[in-house]
C-alpha atoms as a PDB file:
ATOM      1  CA  UNK A   1      -6.910 -45.772 -36.407  1.00  0.00           C
ATOM      2  CA  UNK A   2      -5.998 -45.855 -40.104  1.00  0.00           C
ATOM      3  CA  UNK A   3      -6.805 -49.573 -40.400  1.00  0.00           C
ATOM      4  CA  UNK A   4     -10.224 -49.066 -38.831  1.00  0.00           C
ATOM      5  CA  UNK A   5     -10.835 -46.135 -41.176  1.00  0.00           C
ATOM      6  CA  UNK A   6     -10.028 -48.317 -44.207  1.00  0.00           C
ATOM      7  CA  UNK A   7     -12.433 -51.024 -42.992  1.00  0.00           C
ATOM      8  CA  UNK A   8     -15.228 -48.479 -42.484  1.00  0.00           C
ATOM      9  CA  UNK A   9     -14.621 -46.974 -45.928  1.00  0.00           C
ATOM     10  CA  UNK A  10     -14.808 -50.438 -47.509  1.00  0.00           C
ATOM     11  CA  UNK A  11     -18.130 -51.385 -45.913  1.00  0.00           C
ATOM     12  CA  UNK A  12     -19.698 -47.971 -46.497  1.00  0.00           C
ATOM     13  CA  UNK A  13     -18.587 -48.019 -50.123  1.00  0.00           C
ATOM     14  CA  UNK A  14     -20.074 -51.497 -50.563  1.00  0.00           C
ATOM     15  CA  UNK A  15     -23.406 -50.226 -49.251  1.00  0.00           C
ATOM     16  CA  UNK A  16     -23.334 -47.301 -51.661  1.00  0.00           C
ATOM     17  CA  UNK A  17     -22.511 -49.557 -54.630  1.00  0.00           C
ATOM     18  CA  UNK A  18     -25.363 -51.964 -53.889  1.00  0.00           C
ATOM     19  CA  UNK A  19     -27.855 -49.148 -54.362  1.00  0.00           C
ATOM     20  CA  UNK A  20     -28.771 -48.877 -50.724  1.00  0.00           C
ATOM     21  CA  UNK A  21     -31.625 -46.553 -49.882  1.00  0.00           C
ATOM     22  CA  UNK A  22     -29.390 -44.946 -47.278  1.00  0.00           C
ATOM     23  CA  UNK A  23     -26.771 -43.799 -49.785  1.00  0.00           C
ATOM     24  CA  UNK A  24     -26.822 -40.209 -48.532  1.00  0.00           C
ATOM     25  CA  UNK A  25     -26.162 -41.334 -44.982  1.00  0.00           C
ATOM     26  CA  UNK A  26     -23.270 -43.534 -46.117  1.00  0.00           C
ATOM     27  CA  UNK A  27     -21.806 -40.606 -48.058  1.00  0.00           C
ATOM     28  CA  UNK A  28     -22.074 -38.416 -44.969  1.00  0.00           C
ATOM     29  CA  UNK A  29     -20.312 -41.021 -42.831  1.00  0.00           C
ATOM     30  CA  UNK A  30     -17.562 -41.359 -45.445  1.00  0.00           C
ATOM     31  CA  UNK A  31     -16.958 -37.631 -45.301  1.00  0.00           C
ATOM     32  CA  UNK A  32     -17.167 -37.601 -41.514  1.00  0.00           C
ATOM     33  CA  UNK A  33     -14.611 -40.348 -40.900  1.00  0.00           C
ATOM     34  CA  UNK A  34     -12.307 -38.965 -43.601  1.00  0.00           C
ATOM     35  CA  UNK A  35     -12.264 -35.506 -42.023  1.00  0.00           C
ATOM     36  CA  UNK A  36     -11.643 -37.021 -38.590  1.00  0.00           C
ATOM     37  CA  UNK A  37      -8.798 -39.121 -39.989  1.00  0.00           C
ATOM     38  CA  UNK A  38      -7.248 -36.007 -41.561  1.00  0.00           C
ATOM     39  CA  UNK A  39      -7.475 -34.109 -38.265  1.00  0.00           C
ATOM     40  CA  UNK A  40      -6.022 -37.074 -36.383  1.00  0.00           C
ATOM     41  CA  UNK A  41      -3.127 -37.338 -38.830  1.00  0.00           C
ATOM     42  CA  UNK A  42      -2.539 -33.591 -38.601  1.00  0.00           C
ATOM     43  CA  UNK A  43      -2.410 -33.779 -34.813  1.00  0.00           C
ATOM     44  CA  UNK A  44       0.036 -36.703 -34.881  1.00  0.00           C
ATOM     45  CA  UNK A  45       2.349 -35.052 -37.421  1.00  0.00           C
ATOM     46  CA  UNK A  46       2.406 -31.675 -35.668  1.00  0.00           C
ATOM     47  CA  UNK A  47       2.899 -33.279 -32.252  1.00  0.00           C
ATOM     48  CA  UNK A  48       5.832 -35.374 -33.489  1.00  0.00           C
ATOM     49  CA  UNK A  49       7.351 -32.306 -35.147  1.00  0.00           C
ATOM     50  CA  UNK A  50       6.938 -30.207 -31.993  1.00  0.00           C
ATOM     51  CA  UNK A  51       8.462 -32.969 -29.866  1.00  0.00           C
ATOM     52  CA  UNK A  52      11.444 -33.190 -32.212  1.00  0.00           C
ATOM     53  CA  UNK A  53      12.006 -29.436 -32.017  1.00  0.00           C
ATOM     54  CA  UNK A  54      11.709 -29.408 -28.226  1.00  0.00           C
ATOM     55  CA  UNK A  55      13.810 -32.458 -27.353  1.00  0.00           C
ATOM     56  CA  UNK A  56      16.421 -32.271 -30.128  1.00  0.00           C
ATOM     57  CA  UNK A  57      16.903 -28.641 -31.092  1.00  0.00           C
ATOM     58  CA  UNK A  58      16.049 -26.912 -27.790  1.00  0.00           C
ATOM     59  CA  UNK A  59      16.892 -29.478 -25.146  1.00  0.00           C
ATOM     60  CA  UNK A  60      19.012 -26.825 -23.334  1.00  0.00           C
ATOM     61  CA  UNK A  61      16.094 -24.413 -22.940  1.00  0.00           C
ATOM     62  CA  UNK A  62      15.686 -23.115 -19.327  1.00  0.00           C
ATOM     63  CA  UNK A  63      13.247 -25.482 -17.659  1.00  0.00           C
ATOM     64  CA  UNK A  64      13.980 -28.246 -20.162  1.00  0.00           C
ATOM     65  CA  UNK A  65      12.352 -29.348 -23.420  1.00  0.00           C
ATOM     66  CA  UNK A  66       8.971 -29.724 -21.723  1.00  0.00           C
ATOM     67  CA  UNK A  67       8.948 -26.033 -20.790  1.00  0.00           C
ATOM     68  CA  UNK A  68       9.895 -25.073 -24.351  1.00  0.00           C
ATOM     69  CA  UNK A  69       7.113 -27.223 -25.753  1.00  0.00           C
ATOM     70  CA  UNK A  70       4.480 -25.970 -23.313  1.00  0.00           C
ATOM     71  CA  UNK A  71       5.262 -22.246 -23.285  1.00  0.00           C
ATOM     72  CA  UNK A  72       6.896 -21.526 -26.652  1.00  0.00           C
ATOM     73  CA  UNK A  73       5.651 -24.006 -29.233  1.00  0.00           C
ATOM     74  CA  UNK A  74       2.030 -23.915 -28.065  1.00  0.00           C
ATOM     75  CA  UNK A  75       1.651 -20.424 -29.545  1.00  0.00           C
ATOM     76  CA  UNK A  76       3.795 -21.217 -32.610  1.00  0.00           C
ATOM     77  CA  UNK A  77       2.126 -22.242 -35.911  1.00  0.00           C
ATOM     78  CA  UNK A  78       2.907 -25.926 -35.318  1.00  0.00           C
ATOM     79  CA  UNK A  79       1.338 -25.756 -31.860  1.00  0.00           C
ATOM     80  CA  UNK A  80      -1.730 -23.867 -33.088  1.00  0.00           C
ATOM     81  CA  UNK A  81      -2.280 -26.440 -35.855  1.00  0.00           C
ATOM     82  CA  UNK A  82      -2.013 -29.242 -33.300  1.00  0.00           C
ATOM     83  CA  UNK A  83      -4.447 -27.596 -30.880  1.00  0.00           C
ATOM     84  CA  UNK A  84      -6.994 -26.721 -33.566  1.00  0.00           C
ATOM     85  CA  UNK A  85      -6.974 -30.240 -35.023  1.00  0.00           C
ATOM     86  CA  UNK A  86      -7.397 -31.735 -31.540  1.00  0.00           C
ATOM     87  CA  UNK A  87     -10.297 -29.468 -30.564  1.00  0.00           C
ATOM     88  CA  UNK A  88     -12.095 -29.886 -33.900  1.00  0.00           C
ATOM     89  CA  UNK A  89     -11.797 -33.658 -33.575  1.00  0.00           C
ATOM     90  CA  UNK A  90     -13.166 -33.420 -30.050  1.00  0.00           C
ATOM     91  CA  UNK A  91     -16.164 -31.424 -31.271  1.00  0.00           C
ATOM     92  CA  UNK A  92     -16.884 -34.001 -33.965  1.00  0.00           C
ATOM     93  CA  UNK A  93     -16.608 -36.899 -31.513  1.00  0.00           C
ATOM     94  CA  UNK A  94     -18.935 -35.186 -29.018  1.00  0.00           C
ATOM     95  CA  UNK A  95     -21.356 -34.367 -31.828  1.00  0.00           C
ATOM     96  CA  UNK A  96     -21.556 -38.023 -32.860  1.00  0.00           C
ATOM     97  CA  UNK A  97     -22.087 -38.989 -29.230  1.00  0.00           C
ATOM     98  CA  UNK A  98     -24.984 -36.542 -29.012  1.00  0.00           C
ATOM     99  CA  UNK A  99     -26.458 -37.951 -32.220  1.00  0.00           C
ATOM    100  CA  UNK A 100     -26.302 -41.502 -30.841  1.00  0.00           C
ATOM    101  CA  UNK A 101     -28.067 -40.281 -27.715  1.00  0.00           C
ATOM    102  CA  UNK A 102     -30.915 -38.961 -29.872  1.00  0.00           C
ATOM    103  CA  UNK A 103     -31.094 -42.177 -31.926  1.00  0.00           C
ATOM    104  CA  UNK A 104     -31.224 -44.446 -28.877  1.00  0.00           C
ATOM    105  CA  UNK A 105     -34.107 -42.455 -27.384  1.00  0.00           C
ATOM    106  CA  UNK A 106     -36.041 -42.029 -30.619  1.00  0.00           C
ATOM    107  CA  UNK A 107     -39.750 -42.405 -30.004  1.00  0.00           C
ATOM    108  CA  UNK A 108     -39.463 -41.882 -26.266  1.00  0.00           C
ATOM    109  CA  UNK A 109     -41.744 -39.197 -24.785  1.00  0.00           C
ATOM    110  CA  UNK A 110     -38.775 -37.953 -22.749  1.00  0.00           C
ATOM    111  CA  UNK A 111     -36.356 -37.507 -25.669  1.00  0.00           C
ATOM    112  CA  UNK A 112     -36.302 -33.708 -25.560  1.00  0.00           C
ATOM    113  CA  UNK A 113     -35.919 -33.679 -21.787  1.00  0.00           C
ATOM    114  CA  UNK A 114     -33.054 -36.183 -21.923  1.00  0.00           C
ATOM    115  CA  UNK A 115     -31.183 -34.503 -24.784  1.00  0.00           C
ATOM    116  CA  UNK A 116     -31.548 -30.871 -23.658  1.00  0.00           C
ATOM    117  CA  UNK A 117     -28.891 -30.847 -20.930  1.00  0.00           C
ATOM    118  CA  UNK A 118     -26.176 -32.683 -22.937  1.00  0.00           C
ATOM    119  CA  UNK A 119     -26.899 -30.350 -25.868  1.00  0.00           C
ATOM    120  CA  UNK A 120     -26.350 -27.280 -23.696  1.00  0.00           C
ATOM    121  CA  UNK A 121     -23.121 -28.804 -22.412  1.00  0.00           C
ATOM    122  CA  UNK A 122     -22.030 -29.475 -25.997  1.00  0.00           C
ATOM    123  CA  UNK A 123     -22.641 -25.839 -26.949  1.00  0.00           C
ATOM    124  CA  UNK A 124     -20.656 -24.805 -23.873  1.00  0.00           C
ATOM    125  CA  UNK A 125     -17.826 -27.092 -24.997  1.00  0.00           C
ATOM    126  CA  UNK A 126     -17.737 -25.347 -28.377  1.00  0.00           C
ATOM    127  CA  UNK A 127     -17.635 -21.923 -26.715  1.00  0.00           C
ATOM    128  CA  UNK A 128     -14.878 -22.952 -24.299  1.00  0.00           C
ATOM    129  CA  UNK A 129     -12.958 -24.570 -27.167  1.00  0.00           C
ATOM    130  CA  UNK A 130     -12.966 -21.329 -29.139  1.00  0.00           C
ATOM    131  CA  UNK A 131     -11.731 -19.412 -26.107  1.00  0.00           C
ATOM    132  CA  UNK A 132      -9.039 -22.041 -25.512  1.00  0.00           C
ATOM    133  CA  UNK A 133      -7.776 -21.709 -29.095  1.00  0.00           C
ATOM    134  CA  UNK A 134      -7.554 -17.942 -28.628  1.00  0.00           C
ATOM    135  CA  UNK A 135      -5.767 -18.394 -25.295  1.00  0.00           C
ATOM    136  CA  UNK A 136      -3.156 -20.818 -26.645  1.00  0.00           C
ATOM    137  CA  UNK A 137      -2.562 -18.650 -29.737  1.00  0.00           C
ATOM    138  CA  UNK A 138      -1.230 -15.753 -27.651  1.00  0.00           C
ATOM    139  CA  UNK A 139       2.538 -15.542 -27.034  1.00  0.00           C
ATOM    140  CA  UNK A 140       3.583 -17.934 -24.244  1.00  0.00           C
ATOM    141  CA  UNK A 141       0.035 -19.248 -24.078  1.00  0.00           C
ATOM    142  CA  UNK A 142      -0.617 -22.917 -23.324  1.00  0.00           C
ATOM    143  CA  UNK A 143      -2.906 -25.292 -21.467  1.00  0.00           C
ATOM    144  CA  UNK A 144      -0.815 -24.732 -18.348  1.00  0.00           C
ATOM    145  CA  UNK A 145      -0.497 -20.937 -18.549  1.00  0.00           C
ATOM    146  CA  UNK A 146      -0.973 -19.050 -15.277  1.00  0.00           C
ATOM    147  CA  UNK A 147      -3.103 -16.262 -16.697  1.00  0.00           C
ATOM    148  CA  UNK A 148      -6.082 -14.437 -15.239  1.00  0.00           C
ATOM    149  CA  UNK A 149      -8.440 -16.976 -16.803  1.00  0.00           C
ATOM    150  CA  UNK A 150      -7.393 -20.415 -17.973  1.00  0.00           C
ATOM    151  CA  UNK A 151     -10.015 -21.934 -20.273  1.00  0.00           C
ATOM    152  CA  UNK A 152      -8.302 -25.328 -20.437  1.00  0.00           C
ATOM    153  CA  UNK A 153      -9.851 -26.808 -17.294  1.00  0.00           C
ATOM    154  CA  UNK A 154     -13.432 -25.542 -17.988  1.00  0.00           C
ATOM    155  CA  UNK A 155     -13.169 -26.843 -21.543  1.00  0.00           C
ATOM    156  CA  UNK A 156     -12.018 -30.314 -20.534  1.00  0.00           C
ATOM    157  CA  UNK A 157     -14.471 -30.488 -17.619  1.00  0.00           C
ATOM    158  CA  UNK A 158     -17.423 -29.615 -19.872  1.00  0.00           C
ATOM    159  CA  UNK A 159     -16.335 -32.036 -22.582  1.00  0.00           C
ATOM    160  CA  UNK A 160     -15.671 -34.923 -20.199  1.00  0.00           C
ATOM    161  CA  UNK A 161     -18.849 -34.266 -18.187  1.00  0.00           C
ATOM    162  CA  UNK A 162     -20.945 -34.255 -21.341  1.00  0.00           C
ATOM    163  CA  UNK A 163     -19.272 -37.476 -22.488  1.00  0.00           C
ATOM    164  CA  UNK A 164     -19.729 -39.272 -19.158  1.00  0.00           C
ATOM    165  CA  UNK A 165     -23.361 -38.149 -18.757  1.00  0.00           C
ATOM    166  CA  UNK A 166     -24.292 -39.124 -22.316  1.00  0.00           C
ATOM    167  CA  UNK A 167     -22.511 -42.464 -21.936  1.00  0.00           C
ATOM    168  CA  UNK A 168     -24.323 -43.194 -18.669  1.00  0.00           C
ATOM    169  CA  UNK A 169     -27.714 -42.351 -20.174  1.00  0.00           C
ATOM    170  CA  UNK A 170     -27.098 -44.565 -23.202  1.00  0.00           C
ATOM    171  CA  UNK A 171     -25.886 -47.502 -21.120  1.00  0.00           C
ATOM    172  CA  UNK A 172     -28.974 -47.169 -18.904  1.00  0.00           C
ATOM    173  CA  UNK A 173     -31.185 -47.114 -21.999  1.00  0.00           C
ATOM    174  CA  UNK A 174     -29.561 -50.246 -23.429  1.00  0.00           C
ATOM    175  CA  UNK A 175     -29.659 -52.035 -20.066  1.00  0.00           C
ATOM    176  CA  UNK A 176     -33.398 -51.368 -19.781  1.00  0.00           C
ATOM    177  CA  UNK A 177     -33.970 -52.735 -23.281  1.00  0.00           C
ATOM    178  CA  UNK A 178     -31.721 -55.723 -22.551  1.00  0.00           C
ATOM    179  CA  UNK A 179     -33.497 -56.569 -19.296  1.00  0.00           C
ATOM    180  CA  UNK A 180     -36.948 -56.222 -20.842  1.00  0.00           C
ATOM    181  CA  UNK A 181     -36.155 -58.527 -23.740  1.00  0.00           C
ATOM    182  CA  UNK A 182     -34.290 -61.101 -21.673  1.00  0.00           C
ATOM    183  CA  UNK A 183     -37.191 -61.369 -19.226  1.00  0.00           C
ATOM    184  CA  UNK A 184     -39.577 -62.117 -22.055  1.00  0.00           C
ATOM    185  CA  UNK A 185     -37.400 -63.970 -24.538  1.00  0.00           C
ATOM    186  CA  UNK A 186     -34.448 -65.212 -22.545  1.00  0.00           C
ATOM    187  CA  UNK A 187     -31.268 -65.439 -24.601  1.00  0.00           C
ATOM    188  CA  UNK A 188     -32.175 -64.334 -28.129  1.00  0.00           C
ATOM    189  CA  UNK A 189     -29.877 -64.317 -31.147  1.00  0.00           C
ATOM    190  CA  UNK A 190     -31.991 -61.588 -32.719  1.00  0.00           C
ATOM    191  CA  UNK A 191     -31.388 -59.078 -29.944  1.00  0.00           C
ATOM    192  CA  UNK A 192     -27.771 -59.936 -29.057  1.00  0.00           C
ATOM    193  CA  UNK A 193     -26.144 -57.742 -31.771  1.00  0.00           C
ATOM    194  CA  UNK A 194     -28.000 -54.719 -30.383  1.00  0.00           C
ATOM    195  CA  UNK A 195     -27.953 -55.178 -26.606  1.00  0.00           C
ATOM    196  CA  UNK A 196     -24.970 -57.455 -26.003  1.00  0.00           C
ATOM    197  CA  UNK A 197     -22.256 -56.301 -23.618  1.00  0.00           C
ATOM    198  CA  UNK A 198     -19.832 -55.506 -26.443  1.00  0.00           C
ATOM    199  CA  UNK A 199     -22.582 -53.680 -28.319  1.00  0.00           C
ATOM    200  CA  UNK A 200     -23.420 -51.536 -25.292  1.00  0.00           C
ATOM    201  CA  UNK A 201     -19.770 -50.607 -24.737  1.00  0.00           C
ATOM    202  CA  UNK A 202     -19.317 -49.558 -28.359  1.00  0.00           C
ATOM    203  CA  UNK A 203     -22.677 -47.807 -28.752  1.00  0.00           C
ATOM    204  CA  UNK A 204     -22.152 -45.718 -25.624  1.00  0.00           C
ATOM    205  CA  UNK A 205     -18.570 -44.672 -26.496  1.00  0.00           C
ATOM    206  CA  UNK A 206     -17.407 -46.145 -23.192  1.00  0.00           C
ATOM    207  CA  UNK A 207     -13.788 -46.218 -24.418  1.00  0.00           C
ATOM    208  CA  UNK A 208     -13.813 -42.488 -25.123  1.00  0.00           C
ATOM    209  CA  UNK A 209     -15.556 -41.721 -21.843  1.00  0.00           C
ATOM    210  CA  UNK A 210     -13.073 -43.772 -19.792  1.00  0.00           C
ATOM    211  CA  UNK A 211      -9.976 -42.157 -21.294  1.00  0.00           C
ATOM    212  CA  UNK A 212     -11.514 -38.684 -20.971  1.00  0.00           C
ATOM    213  CA  UNK A 213     -12.312 -39.194 -17.296  1.00  0.00           C
ATOM    214  CA  UNK A 214      -8.815 -40.477 -16.481  1.00  0.00           C
ATOM    215  CA  UNK A 215      -7.219 -37.563 -18.321  1.00  0.00           C
ATOM    216  CA  UNK A 216      -9.266 -34.849 -16.622  1.00  0.00           C
ATOM    217  CA  UNK A 217      -8.388 -36.242 -13.188  1.00  0.00           C
ATOM    218  CA  UNK A 218      -4.670 -36.295 -14.018  1.00  0.00           C
ATOM    219  CA  UNK A 219      -4.876 -32.833 -15.603  1.00  0.00           C
ATOM    220  CA  UNK A 220      -6.625 -31.339 -12.576  1.00  0.00           C
ATOM    221  CA  UNK A 221      -3.927 -32.599 -10.177  1.00  0.00           C
ATOM    222  CA  UNK A 222      -1.143 -31.757 -12.677  1.00  0.00           C
ATOM    223  CA  UNK A 223       0.178 -35.320 -12.770  1.00  0.00           C
ATOM    224  CA  UNK A 224       2.867 -35.900 -15.455  1.00  0.00           C
ATOM    225  CA  UNK A 225       1.027 -39.005 -16.689  1.00  0.00           C
ATOM    226  CA  UNK A 226      -1.552 -36.603 -18.144  1.00  0.00           C
ATOM    227  CA  UNK A 227       0.674 -36.166 -21.220  1.00  0.00           C
ATOM    228  CA  UNK A 228       0.363 -39.869 -22.019  1.00  0.00           C
ATOM    229  CA  UNK A 229      -3.427 -39.813 -21.812  1.00  0.00           C
ATOM    230  CA  UNK A 230      -3.663 -36.501 -23.682  1.00  0.00           C
ATOM    231  CA  UNK A 231      -1.804 -38.005 -26.643  1.00  0.00           C
ATOM    232  CA  UNK A 232      -3.804 -41.241 -26.428  1.00  0.00           C
ATOM    233  CA  UNK A 233      -7.090 -39.354 -26.145  1.00  0.00           C
ATOM    234  CA  UNK A 234      -6.429 -37.673 -29.490  1.00  0.00           C
ATOM    235  CA  UNK A 235      -6.639 -41.103 -31.143  1.00  0.00           C
ATOM    236  CA  UNK A 236      -9.265 -42.611 -28.840  1.00  0.00           C
ATOM    237  CA  UNK A 237     -11.741 -39.831 -29.643  1.00  0.00           C
ATOM    238  CA  UNK A 238     -11.407 -40.889 -33.292  1.00  0.00           C
ATOM    239  CA  UNK A 239     -11.419 -44.652 -32.710  1.00  0.00           C
ATOM    240  CA  UNK A 240     -14.644 -44.588 -30.656  1.00  0.00           C
ATOM    241  CA  UNK A 241     -16.737 -42.947 -33.440  1.00  0.00           C
ATOM    242  CA  UNK A 242     -15.099 -45.231 -36.013  1.00  0.00           C
ATOM    243  CA  UNK A 243     -16.246 -48.276 -34.025  1.00  0.00           C
ATOM    244  CA  UNK A 244     -19.811 -46.949 -34.019  1.00  0.00           C
ATOM    245  CA  UNK A 245     -19.756 -46.223 -37.753  1.00  0.00           C
ATOM    246  CA  UNK A 246     -18.263 -49.670 -38.354  1.00  0.00           C
ATOM    247  CA  UNK A 247     -21.317 -51.186 -36.646  1.00  0.00           C
ATOM    248  CA  UNK A 248     -23.564 -48.863 -38.664  1.00  0.00           C
ATOM    249  CA  UNK A 249     -21.927 -49.986 -41.920  1.00  0.00           C
ATOM    250  CA  UNK A 250     -22.558 -53.635 -40.963  1.00  0.00           C
ATOM    251  CA  UNK A 251     -26.177 -52.970 -40.035  1.00  0.00           C
ATOM    252  CA  UNK A 252     -25.618 -53.913 -36.386  1.00  0.00           C
ATOM    253  CA  UNK A 253     -25.873 -50.473 -34.800  1.00  0.00           C
ATOM    254  CA  UNK A 254     -28.960 -49.301 -32.949  1.00  0.00           C
ATOM    255  CA  UNK A 255     -31.108 -47.230 -35.318  1.00  0.00           C
ATOM    256  CA  UNK A 256     -34.394 -45.375 -35.033  1.00  0.00           C
ATOM    257  CA  UNK A 257     -36.244 -48.559 -36.047  1.00  0.00           C
ATOM    258  CA  UNK A 258     -34.334 -51.053 -33.897  1.00  0.00           C
ATOM    259  CA  UNK A 259     -36.765 -50.965 -30.999  1.00  0.00           C
ATOM    260  CA  UNK A 260     -39.693 -51.531 -33.352  1.00  0.00           C
ATOM    261  CA  UNK A 261     -37.838 -54.476 -34.879  1.00  0.00           C
ATOM    262  CA  UNK A 262     -37.106 -56.019 -31.489  1.00  0.00           C
ATOM    263  CA  UNK A 263     -40.698 -55.539 -30.361  1.00  0.00           C
ATOM    264  CA  UNK A 264     -42.024 -57.116 -33.562  1.00  0.00           C
ATOM    265  CA  UNK A 265     -39.622 -60.025 -33.016  1.00  0.00           C
ATOM    266  CA  UNK A 266     -40.901 -60.287 -29.468  1.00  0.00           C
ATOM    267  CA  UNK A 267     -44.534 -60.332 -30.591  1.00  0.00           C
ATOM    268  CA  UNK A 268     -43.786 -62.917 -33.287  1.00  0.00           C
ATOM    269  CA  UNK A 269     -41.974 -65.121 -30.771  1.00  0.00           C
ATOM    270  CA  UNK A 270     -44.812 -64.711 -28.304  1.00  0.00           C
ATOM    271  CA  UNK A 271     -47.353 -65.745 -30.932  1.00  0.00           C
ATOM    272  CA  UNK A 272     -45.289 -68.816 -31.791  1.00  0.00           C
ATOM    273  CA  UNK A 273     -45.060 -69.789 -28.132  1.00  0.00           C
ATOM    274  CA  UNK A 274     -48.791 -69.228 -27.721  1.00  0.00           C
ATOM    275  CA  UNK A 275     -49.578 -71.350 -30.779  1.00  0.00           C
ATOM    276  CA  UNK A 276     -47.275 -74.142 -29.602  1.00  0.00           C
ATOM    277  CA  UNK A 277     -48.946 -74.097 -26.193  1.00  0.00           C
ATOM    278  CA  UNK A 278     -52.371 -74.253 -27.837  1.00  0.00           C
ATOM    279  CA  UNK A 279     -51.308 -77.207 -29.986  1.00  0.00           C
ATOM    280  CA  UNK A 280     -49.864 -79.010 -26.973  1.00  0.00           C
ATOM    281  CA  UNK A 281     -52.995 -78.377 -24.918  1.00  0.00           C
ATOM    282  CA  UNK A 282     -55.238 -79.569 -27.746  1.00  0.00           C
ATOM    283  CA  UNK A 283     -53.166 -82.733 -28.083  1.00  0.00           C
ATOM    284  CA  UNK A 284     -53.497 -83.429 -24.381  1.00  0.00           C
ATOM    285  CA  UNK A 285     -57.255 -82.914 -24.461  1.00  0.00           C
ATOM    286  CA  UNK A 286     -57.575 -85.127 -27.524  1.00  0.00           C
ATOM    287  CA  UNK A 287     -55.445 -87.832 -25.876  1.00  0.00           C
ATOM    288  CA  UNK A 288     -57.565 -87.697 -22.745  1.00  0.00           C
ATOM    289  CA  UNK A 289     -60.751 -88.019 -24.763  1.00  0.00           C
ATOM    290  CA  UNK A 290     -59.347 -90.968 -26.711  1.00  0.00           C
ATOM    291  CA  UNK A 291     -58.196 -92.606 -23.480  1.00  0.00           C
ATOM    292  CA  UNK A 292     -61.552 -92.193 -21.761  1.00  0.00           C
ATOM    293  CA  UNK A 293     -63.373 -93.633 -24.769  1.00  0.00           C
ATOM    294  CA  UNK A 294     -61.072 -96.635 -24.842  1.00  0.00           C
ATOM    295  CA  UNK A 295     -61.565 -97.273 -21.107  1.00  0.00           C
ATOM    296  CA  UNK A 296     -65.303 -97.016 -21.521  1.00  0.00           C
ATOM    297  CA  UNK A 297     -65.254 -99.476 -24.399  1.00  0.00           C
ATOM    298  CA  UNK A 298     -63.259-101.956 -22.308  1.00  0.00           C
ATOM    299  CA  UNK A 299     -65.722-101.546 -19.425  1.00  0.00           C
ATOM    300  CA  UNK A 300     -68.695-102.217 -21.669  1.00  0.00           C
ATOM    301  CA  UNK A 301     -67.068-105.324 -23.089  1.00  0.00           C
ATOM    302  CA  UNK A 302     -66.335-106.654 -19.612  1.00  0.00           C
ATOM    303  CA  UNK A 303     -69.882-106.133 -18.407  1.00  0.00           C
ATOM    304  CA  UNK A 304     -71.261-107.847 -21.482  1.00  0.00           C
ATOM    305  CA  UNK A 305     -69.034-110.834 -20.937  1.00  0.00           C
END
């Protein structure tokens, strides 16, 4: 995560130094990835500290260190800091995903219709996240508390559903663009950076969506492997946006003008093909005319002889 952050900072800083017209956007991305990196570091530090307290200092707690971590430390300051940093990072990752959804459908007459439902789900995720922070801040509160209302499952379900739906819509959008261009152009080097398989996986946050879906299934059935994916998801939800911003900093990400660029490339290629066909056809006609004249001349000479 840190290495990818350094790479993104380097490329964004280079764009700002070259006097790019998109300096404000680069500055925003620098702030965005820096805040996410801080939250990710905070989550890692607090989680390691809580694990040390649970498994070293309170390993004899009734129910074991896991029970102490889940039902005592979750409402302690170290647990609250960990939960808040995780949820804030999740909001930022989902927000970037929603932004990419808008960018990919820019200019489409159905943009508002497509974006409305994921936006409502995103607002619901924020509301459930606030309630989850309040729930886990109470004494003996946690993600696994058996209270009257447990906001953990609704929060994760909304977040994962929004992620999976947005990812599916973006992949469908890129597949349509890929199929359209490949039918007309075949394999094109101009379009590959935007609609290649790797590009589609990164642009759609497929990595984040996959980990989220696996975690919510394990969490719903209370499988112990959920702890592994919960810890991994904290970093994956930072890595996925960093990969997108890395492509943005290199000028390879899908922007609001990408479709216009690809269509202009398509029209230019079509004109070249049309011109080459016209030249070839003209050459054939000219050759036929020359050949017929030559045959006629030979015929006249023969008759004269």
